[in-house]
Amino acid sequence: MSSLARPTHGRMIGGVCAALARRFGTSNGTMRVIFLVSCLLPGPQFLLYLALWILLPSEEKAARTAW
């Protein structure tokens, strides 16, 4: 599994689904479908997406701050 950072390529809005797909070894499309289906269920999915968008570093920033 790779580190959790929003990629600069292959993202649609914030890159959260692309980052999760890369982390768990699935395709971007599969992760987006899982997210959309989960939005049909009650819960804070949209707020979680926004929080991850804010909290996850972009790939560029993560590369610059790597040890």
Protein backbone atom coordinates (compact mmCIF):
# COMPACT_ATOMS: atom_id res chain seq x y z
CA MET A 1 0.00 0.00 0.00
CA SER A 2 1.23 3.46 -0.83
CA SER A 3 1.03 6.58 1.30
CA LEU A 4 -2.19 8.52 1.44
CA ALA A 5 -1.73 11.70 -0.62
CA ARG A 6 -4.00 13.30 -3.21
CA PRO A 7 -2.50 12.70 -6.67
CA THR A 8 -1.99 15.50 -9.15
CA HIS A 9 -3.09 13.33 -12.11
CA GLY A 10 -6.20 11.19 -12.40
CA ARG A 11 -8.37 13.20 -10.07
CA MET A 12 -11.73 14.76 -10.81
CA ILE A 13 -12.58 17.16 -8.00
CA GLY A 14 -10.32 16.98 -4.99
CA GLY A 15 -8.45 13.76 -5.58
CA VAL A 16 -9.78 12.04 -2.47
CA CYS A 17 -11.26 9.03 -4.33
CA ALA A 18 -8.09 8.73 -6.42
CA ALA A 19 -5.95 8.76 -3.27
CA LEU A 20 -8.11 6.11 -1.59
CA ALA A 21 -8.13 3.99 -4.75
CA ARG A 22 -4.34 4.11 -4.95
CA ARG A 23 -4.03 3.32 -1.24
CA PHE A 24 -6.30 0.25 -1.38
CA GLY A 25 -5.22 -0.96 -4.83
CA THR A 26 -8.48 -0.43 -6.75
CA SER A 27 -9.28 1.65 -9.79
CA ASN A 28 -10.37 5.27 -9.55
CA GLY A 29 -13.71 4.45 -11.16
CA THR A 30 -14.44 1.70 -8.66
CA MET A 31 -13.72 3.99 -5.72
CA ARG A 32 -15.91 6.73 -7.18
CA VAL A 33 -18.80 4.29 -7.63
CA ILE A 34 -18.37 3.07 -4.04
CA PHE A 35 -18.45 6.67 -2.82
CA LEU A 36 -21.55 7.52 -4.86
CA VAL A 37 -23.39 4.43 -3.64
CA SER A 38 -22.40 5.22 -0.06
CA CYS A 39 -23.94 8.67 -0.46
CA LEU A 40 -27.32 6.95 -0.81
CA LEU A 41 -26.93 5.62 2.74
CA PRO A 42 -27.49 7.86 5.76
CA GLY A 43 -24.30 9.29 7.21
CA PRO A 44 -21.72 12.05 6.91
CA GLN A 45 -20.03 10.83 3.69
CA PHE A 46 -19.96 14.25 2.04
CA LEU A 47 -18.53 15.87 5.16
CA LEU A 48 -15.91 13.13 5.38
CA TYR A 49 -14.95 13.78 1.75
CA LEU A 50 -14.55 17.50 2.49
CA ALA A 51 -12.49 16.76 5.60
CA LEU A 52 -10.18 14.42 3.68
CA TRP A 53 -9.85 17.01 0.90
CA ILE A 54 -8.63 19.52 3.47
CA LEU A 55 -6.49 17.16 5.57
CA LEU A 56 -4.77 15.02 2.93
CA PRO A 57 -1.68 16.62 1.46
CA SER A 58 -1.33 16.86 -2.29
CA GLU A 59 1.29 14.64 -3.90
CA GLU A 60 3.49 17.64 -4.66
CA LYS A 61 3.40 18.89 -1.08
CA ALA A 62 3.97 15.40 0.36
CA ALA A 63 7.03 14.94 -1.88
CA ARG A 64 8.51 18.27 -0.78
CA THR A 65 8.04 17.55 2.93
CA ALA A 66 9.21 13.91 2.82
CA TRP A 67 12.12 13.09 5.08
